[in-house]
Protein backbone atom coordinates (compact mmCIF):
# COMPACT_ATOMS: atom_id res chain seq x y z
CA MET A 1 -1.97 -256.67 -249.06
CA ILE A 2 -2.72 -257.69 -245.46
CA ASP A 3 -2.68 -261.11 -243.89
CA GLY A 4 -3.23 -262.11 -240.28
CA SER A 5 -5.64 -263.87 -237.93
CA LEU A 6 -8.60 -262.30 -236.16
CA HIS A 7 -7.81 -259.80 -233.47
CA SER A 8 -7.60 -261.19 -229.95
CA PRO A 9 -7.84 -258.46 -227.30
CA SER A 10 -5.94 -260.57 -224.76
CA ARG A 11 -2.79 -260.70 -226.91
CA THR A 12 -0.24 -258.09 -227.91
CA ASN A 13 -0.65 -256.97 -231.54
CA VAL A 14 2.51 -256.58 -233.62
CA LEU A 15 2.41 -255.09 -237.11
CA VAL A 16 5.14 -256.19 -239.53
CA ALA A 17 5.53 -254.16 -242.73
CA ASP A 18 8.08 -255.52 -245.21
CA ASP A 19 7.97 -256.07 -248.96
CA THR A 20 10.01 -259.28 -248.67
CA ALA A 21 7.81 -262.34 -248.09
CA SER A 22 10.55 -264.37 -246.41
CA VAL A 23 11.13 -261.64 -243.81
CA ARG A 24 7.43 -261.35 -243.06
CA LEU A 25 7.08 -265.09 -242.66
CA LEU A 26 10.16 -265.31 -240.40
CA PHE A 27 8.99 -262.48 -238.14
CA GLN A 28 5.49 -263.97 -238.00
CA LYS A 29 6.81 -267.41 -237.07
CA LEU A 30 9.15 -266.09 -234.36
CA LEU A 31 6.66 -263.70 -232.79
CA THR A 32 3.63 -266.00 -233.00
CA ALA A 33 5.65 -268.63 -231.13
CA GLU A 34 6.07 -266.07 -228.33
CA GLY A 35 2.30 -265.54 -228.11
CA TYR A 36 2.02 -262.32 -230.12
CA HIS A 37 -0.75 -261.66 -232.62
CA VAL A 38 1.00 -260.67 -235.86
CA ILE A 39 -0.46 -258.64 -238.71
CA SER A 40 1.76 -258.44 -241.78
CA VAL A 41 1.59 -256.07 -244.74
CA THR A 42 3.69 -255.53 -247.83
CA ASP A 43 3.98 -251.74 -248.18
CA GLY A 44 3.77 -248.40 -246.40
CA LEU A 45 0.23 -247.44 -247.38
CA ALA A 46 -1.05 -250.85 -246.27
CA ALA A 47 0.81 -250.31 -242.99
CA LEU A 48 -1.06 -247.07 -242.33
CA ASP A 49 -4.38 -248.80 -243.11
CA ALA A 50 -3.48 -251.69 -240.81
CA VAL A 51 -2.61 -249.33 -237.96
CA ARG A 52 -6.02 -247.67 -238.22
CA LEU A 53 -7.78 -251.05 -238.37
CA HIS A 54 -5.85 -253.12 -235.80
CA ARG A 55 -4.29 -250.54 -233.41
CA PRO A 56 -1.06 -252.54 -232.96
CA ASP A 57 1.00 -252.33 -229.77
CA VAL A 58 4.37 -252.48 -231.61
CA ILE A 59 5.12 -251.67 -235.26
CA LEU A 60 8.07 -253.08 -237.24
CA LEU A 61 8.73 -251.14 -240.45
CA ASP A 62 11.16 -252.03 -243.22
CA VAL A 63 12.98 -248.86 -244.24
CA GLY A 64 13.39 -249.90 -247.89
CA MET A 65 9.77 -250.58 -248.90
CA PRO A 66 8.83 -249.28 -252.38
CA GLY A 67 6.45 -246.35 -252.59
CA MET A 68 6.12 -244.99 -249.07
CA ASN A 69 9.18 -246.16 -247.13
CA GLY A 70 9.34 -247.02 -243.45
CA ILE A 71 10.78 -243.66 -242.40
CA GLU A 72 7.86 -241.76 -243.98
CA VAL A 73 5.33 -244.15 -242.42
CA CYS A 74 7.01 -243.61 -239.05
CA ARG A 75 6.91 -239.84 -239.48
CA ARG A 76 3.19 -239.90 -240.23
CA LEU A 77 2.42 -242.16 -237.28
CA LYS A 78 4.37 -239.98 -234.88
CA THR A 79 2.52 -236.82 -235.91
CA GLU A 80 -0.92 -238.35 -235.26
CA PRO A 81 -2.22 -238.01 -231.66
CA ALA A 82 -3.77 -241.50 -231.79
CA THR A 83 -0.50 -243.23 -232.73
CA ARG A 84 2.34 -240.97 -231.59
CA LEU A 85 2.95 -243.10 -228.47
CA THR A 86 2.90 -246.44 -230.31
CA PRO A 87 6.48 -247.86 -230.41
CA VAL A 88 7.93 -248.00 -233.93
CA VAL A 89 11.00 -250.08 -234.84
CA LEU A 90 12.74 -249.39 -238.14
CA VAL A 91 14.22 -252.51 -239.75
CA THR A 92 16.91 -251.91 -242.33
CA GLY A 93 19.75 -253.60 -244.14
CA LEU A 94 21.50 -250.27 -244.42
CA SER A 95 24.09 -249.29 -241.82
CA GLU A 96 24.85 -245.71 -242.80
CA LEU A 97 24.62 -243.22 -239.95
CA GLN A 98 22.49 -240.91 -242.11
CA ASP A 99 19.69 -243.48 -242.29
CA ARG A 100 19.56 -243.78 -238.52
CA ILE A 101 19.56 -240.01 -238.15
CA LYS A 102 16.58 -239.77 -240.53
CA GLY A 103 14.83 -242.47 -238.50
CA ILE A 104 15.46 -240.64 -235.23
CA GLU A 105 14.18 -237.40 -236.76
CA ALA A 106 11.03 -239.26 -237.86
CA GLY A 107 10.46 -240.35 -234.25
CA ALA A 108 11.54 -244.01 -234.39
CA ASP A 109 11.76 -245.67 -230.98
CA ASP A 110 14.29 -248.35 -231.93
CA PHE A 111 16.22 -249.95 -234.81
CA LEU A 112 16.94 -253.49 -236.00
CA SER A 113 19.55 -254.32 -238.62
CA LYS A 114 19.10 -257.11 -241.17
CA PRO A 115 19.73 -259.96 -240.87
CA VAL A 116 17.77 -259.73 -237.61
CA HIS A 117 18.84 -262.08 -234.83
CA PRO A 118 15.80 -263.94 -233.40
CA HIS A 119 16.78 -263.25 -229.78
CA GLU A 120 17.20 -259.53 -230.48
CA LEU A 121 13.83 -259.39 -232.23
CA ARG A 122 12.08 -261.08 -229.31
CA ALA A 123 13.81 -258.86 -226.75
CA ARG A 124 13.02 -255.60 -228.56
CA VAL A 125 9.37 -256.48 -229.10
CA ALA A 126 8.95 -257.66 -225.51
CA SER A 127 10.50 -254.48 -224.13
CA LEU A 128 8.47 -252.14 -226.34
CA SER A 129 5.20 -254.01 -225.77
CA ARG A 130 5.68 -253.60 -222.01
CA LEU A 131 6.27 -249.88 -222.60
CA LYS A 132 3.11 -249.61 -224.70
CA HIS A 133 1.00 -251.38 -222.08
CA LEU A 134 2.35 -249.03 -219.41
CA THR A 135 1.56 -246.03 -221.61
CA ASP A 136 -1.94 -247.36 -222.22
CA ALA A 137 -2.45 -247.70 -218.47
CA LEU A 138 -1.38 -244.09 -217.97
CA ASP A 139 -3.67 -242.98 -220.80
CA SER A 140 -6.55 -244.83 -219.13
CA ALA A 141 -5.84 -243.06 -215.85
CA GLU A 142 -5.70 -239.71 -217.63
CA ALA A 143 -9.00 -240.48 -219.37
CA ALA A 144 -10.50 -241.18 -215.95
CA PHE A 145 -9.28 -237.76 -214.79
CA MET A 146 -10.92 -236.14 -217.83
CA ALA A 147 -14.18 -237.91 -217.01
CA LEU A 148 -13.87 -236.75 -213.39
CA ALA A 149 -13.36 -233.15 -214.53
CA LEU A 150 -16.51 -233.28 -216.67
CA THR A 151 -18.43 -234.87 -213.80
CA ILE A 152 -17.41 -231.99 -211.54
CA GLU A 153 -18.52 -229.54 -214.20
CA ALA A 154 -21.88 -231.31 -214.40
CA ARG A 155 -22.48 -230.64 -210.67
CA ASP A 156 -23.12 -227.01 -211.58
CA PRO A 157 -25.55 -226.54 -214.51
CA THR A 158 -24.27 -223.00 -215.09
CA MET A 159 -20.83 -224.41 -215.94
CA LYS A 160 -21.99 -226.52 -218.90
CA GLY A 161 -19.33 -226.50 -221.62
CA HIS A 162 -16.87 -224.50 -219.51
CA CYS A 163 -14.01 -227.02 -219.76
CA GLU A 164 -14.39 -227.50 -223.50
CA ARG A 165 -14.47 -223.75 -224.10
CA LEU A 166 -11.35 -223.24 -221.99
CA ALA A 167 -9.49 -226.02 -223.78
CA THR A 168 -10.44 -224.74 -227.23
CA HIS A 169 -9.68 -221.06 -226.62
CA ALA A 170 -6.51 -221.65 -224.61
CA VAL A 171 -5.08 -223.69 -227.50
CA THR A 172 -6.09 -220.96 -229.96
CA VAL A 173 -4.24 -218.38 -227.85
CA GLY A 174 -1.23 -220.70 -227.68
CA ARG A 175 -1.19 -220.98 -231.46
CA THR A 176 -1.45 -217.20 -231.79
CA LEU A 177 1.61 -216.88 -229.54
CA GLY A 178 3.50 -219.50 -231.56
CA LEU A 179 3.85 -221.98 -228.70
CA PRO A 180 5.24 -225.46 -229.50
CA ALA A 181 3.06 -228.56 -229.89
CA ASP A 182 3.78 -229.88 -226.38
CA ASP A 183 2.52 -226.62 -224.87
CA LEU A 184 -0.62 -226.70 -227.02
CA ASP A 185 -1.28 -230.25 -225.84
CA ALA A 186 -0.83 -229.16 -222.22
CA LEU A 187 -3.20 -226.22 -222.75
CA HIS A 188 -5.85 -228.54 -224.20
CA ARG A 189 -5.66 -231.00 -221.30
CA GLY A 190 -5.24 -228.19 -218.78
CA GLY A 191 -8.44 -226.58 -220.02
CA TYR A 192 -10.32 -229.72 -219.04
CA LEU A 193 -8.40 -230.50 -215.84
CA HIS A 194 -7.82 -227.03 -214.36
CA ASP A 195 -10.64 -227.42 -211.83
CA VAL A 196 -10.38 -231.17 -211.19
CA GLY A 197 -9.50 -230.37 -207.55
CA LYS A 198 -13.07 -229.16 -207.01
CA VAL A 199 -13.88 -232.80 -206.34
CA GLY A 200 -12.70 -231.92 -202.81
CA VAL A 201 -14.97 -228.85 -202.46
CA PRO A 202 -18.36 -229.46 -200.76
CA ASP A 203 -21.51 -228.78 -202.80
CA SER A 204 -22.60 -226.30 -200.15
CA VAL A 205 -19.63 -224.15 -201.15
CA LEU A 206 -19.35 -224.99 -204.85
CA LEU A 207 -23.03 -224.42 -205.58
CA LYS A 208 -23.74 -221.60 -203.13
CA PRO A 209 -26.08 -219.06 -204.79
CA GLY A 210 -24.24 -216.01 -203.52
CA PRO A 211 -20.89 -214.63 -202.35
CA LEU A 212 -18.69 -216.93 -200.25
CA THR A 213 -17.68 -216.21 -196.68
CA ASP A 214 -13.95 -216.00 -195.90
CA THR A 215 -14.03 -219.57 -194.58
CA GLU A 216 -15.87 -220.84 -197.64
CA PHE A 217 -13.50 -219.02 -199.98
CA ALA A 218 -10.54 -220.60 -198.19
CA LEU A 219 -12.11 -224.01 -198.90
CA MET A 220 -12.68 -223.09 -202.54
CA LYS A 221 -9.09 -221.95 -203.00
CA ARG A 222 -7.84 -225.37 -201.94
CA HIS A 223 -9.05 -226.85 -205.24
CA THR A 224 -5.81 -225.79 -206.95
CA GLU A 225 -3.65 -227.73 -204.51
CA ILE A 226 -6.01 -230.70 -204.43
CA GLY A 227 -5.97 -230.87 -208.23
CA ASP A 228 -2.19 -230.68 -208.32
CA SER A 229 -1.95 -233.54 -205.80
CA LEU A 230 -4.40 -235.65 -207.82
CA CYS A 231 -2.38 -235.15 -211.03
CA ALA A 232 1.03 -235.69 -209.38
CA PRO A 233 1.20 -239.51 -209.74
CA LEU A 234 0.76 -239.32 -213.53
CA GLN A 235 3.97 -238.58 -215.40
CA SER A 236 1.88 -237.84 -218.49
CA LEU A 237 0.37 -234.83 -216.68
CA ARG A 238 3.65 -233.26 -215.57
CA HIS A 239 3.21 -230.34 -218.03
CA VAL A 240 -0.44 -229.91 -217.02
CA ARG A 241 0.15 -229.66 -213.27
CA PRO A 242 1.43 -226.04 -213.35
CA ILE A 243 -1.85 -225.05 -215.05
CA VAL A 244 -3.95 -226.89 -212.47
CA ARG A 245 -2.04 -225.38 -209.56
CA SER A 246 -1.37 -221.85 -210.76
CA HIS A 247 -4.24 -220.69 -213.00
CA HIS A 248 -5.52 -218.44 -210.18
CA GLU A 249 -2.14 -216.77 -209.58
CA ARG A 250 -1.87 -213.10 -210.57
CA LEU A 251 1.13 -211.05 -211.65
CA ASP A 252 0.86 -208.67 -208.68
CA GLY A 253 1.07 -211.54 -206.19
CA SER A 254 -2.58 -211.33 -205.17
CA GLY A 255 -3.53 -214.77 -206.48
CA TYR A 256 -3.44 -218.23 -204.95
CA PRO A 257 -2.34 -220.74 -203.77
CA ASN A 258 1.26 -219.47 -203.55
CA GLY A 259 1.02 -215.72 -204.20
CA LEU A 260 3.41 -215.98 -207.16
CA CYS A 261 4.51 -212.76 -208.87
CA GLY A 262 5.38 -211.87 -212.47
CA ASP A 263 7.45 -214.43 -214.31
CA GLU A 264 7.15 -216.86 -211.40
CA ILE A 265 3.74 -217.77 -212.81
CA PRO A 266 3.97 -220.39 -215.60
CA VAL A 267 2.99 -219.01 -219.00
CA LEU A 268 0.43 -221.77 -219.65
CA ALA A 269 -1.23 -221.10 -216.29
CA GLN A 270 -1.46 -217.40 -217.16
CA ILE A 271 -3.18 -218.19 -220.46
CA VAL A 272 -5.72 -220.56 -218.90
CA GLY A 273 -6.29 -218.07 -216.08
CA ILE A 274 -7.19 -215.29 -218.53
CA VAL A 275 -9.58 -217.46 -220.53
CA ASP A 276 -11.08 -218.82 -217.30
CA VAL A 277 -11.86 -215.32 -215.98
CA TYR A 278 -13.41 -214.22 -219.28
CA ASP A 279 -15.55 -217.34 -219.48
CA ALA A 280 -16.70 -216.87 -215.89
CA MET A 281 -17.65 -213.25 -216.55
CA THR A 282 -19.64 -214.12 -219.67
CA SER A 283 -21.47 -217.05 -218.05
CA HIS A 284 -24.72 -216.86 -216.11
CA ARG A 285 -24.44 -217.46 -212.37
CA PRO A 286 -27.23 -217.91 -209.79
CA TYR A 287 -26.19 -214.64 -208.13
CA ARG A 288 -25.62 -212.50 -211.26
CA GLU A 289 -26.34 -212.21 -214.98
CA ALA A 290 -23.65 -212.86 -217.59
CA LEU A 291 -21.73 -209.86 -218.86
CA ASP A 292 -21.65 -209.16 -222.57
CA SER A 293 -18.39 -209.47 -224.48
CA GLU A 294 -17.63 -205.74 -224.46
CA ALA A 295 -18.03 -205.43 -220.68
CA ALA A 296 -15.93 -208.53 -220.06
CA THR A 297 -13.26 -207.20 -222.41
CA ARG A 298 -13.14 -203.90 -220.53
CA LEU A 299 -12.67 -205.76 -217.23
CA LEU A 300 -9.80 -207.80 -218.69
CA VAL A 301 -8.13 -204.57 -219.84
CA THR A 302 -8.62 -203.16 -216.34
CA GLU A 303 -6.89 -206.23 -214.90
CA VAL A 304 -3.95 -205.54 -217.23
CA GLU A 305 -3.81 -201.93 -216.02
CA ARG A 306 -3.80 -203.19 -212.44
CA ARG A 307 -0.84 -205.41 -213.41
CA ARG A 308 -2.70 -208.60 -212.57
CA PHE A 309 -2.70 -210.01 -216.12
CA SER A 310 -0.08 -209.90 -218.87
CA LYS A 311 -0.89 -207.33 -221.54
CA MET A 312 0.62 -209.57 -224.24
CA TYR A 313 -1.46 -212.63 -223.31
CA VAL A 314 -4.69 -210.68 -222.86
CA GLU A 315 -4.20 -209.00 -226.25
CA ALA A 316 -3.50 -212.39 -227.84
CA PHE A 317 -6.73 -213.75 -226.34
CA LEU A 318 -8.78 -210.75 -227.44
CA ASP A 319 -7.28 -211.05 -230.93
CA THR A 320 -8.57 -214.63 -231.12
CA LEU A 321 -12.05 -213.41 -230.17
CA ARG A 322 -11.94 -210.76 -232.89
CA MET A 323 -10.73 -213.29 -235.46
CA ASN A 324 -13.67 -215.55 -234.58
CA ALA A 325 -15.94 -212.47 -234.77
CA ALA A 326 -17.88 -213.74 -231.74
CA PRO A 327 -17.49 -214.19 -227.99
CA LEU A 328 -17.25 -217.60 -226.35
CA VAL A 329 -20.52 -219.39 -227.08
CA HIS A 330 -22.52 -220.65 -224.09
């Protein structure tokens, strides 16, 4: 069961999930008086439905709800990309350490113990709502970067779908290698943002229908450093920046911008770099035809033999192509 007024976009939304009517009414009274828009529900399943419908800024979950309890609701919310950054407060009358440990393991951001003091409730919600608004602002900035990356891609018709292909295949390679979720997330965003620095490369260089001069190539190489500088202000992109900066580095030190060697090159940058090269080879360019999958594969193996790419990461990438039974689709 859900009760609450119509959504007002100018107010902070707080979801209260508790099977005790008196608690819901108290929380609603206290928080509404502070200017919050409160949605209240009576159980865990209704809480999940309300989150999808109302997109609350802060969620207060009673641990002891029947059916799906607050800890399980929290766990589900924290595993979903759309809600994992939404602050969740677990409210419980239990004081055992084990309950708090379970809450922490589920991803809870804070705890309140019953009976809840009104001042503590207001302070916790105010603090977490500020955090959520800051996170939303960072997400908006990151979304703008994604849009910028796709706009850059659109400058060159031959690059259509390049960012999406890189993101998809880099994540597949990461999964094959057993990388953790944070790395997979960075690979996905890095696939889109790896060339965002090309916003600083003139069209006369970026779209030139032929080989670049030494001067033009020097300009092109700057896109890695420009992209890194653009991403630097966003804390949410801290794991993506090494991809943006170093995806053109090579194990033998012949890459750019820093001439890194071997293990100096971040693993995620190596993965994106391999997928990037393959995608470039199998894409049509104004100055050459696309290579077929077999020819591109042979060139990747040659790069391994020249000690420019990691054998393990190239083999992992080629394994993903074989599993899909098709090359990257253009």
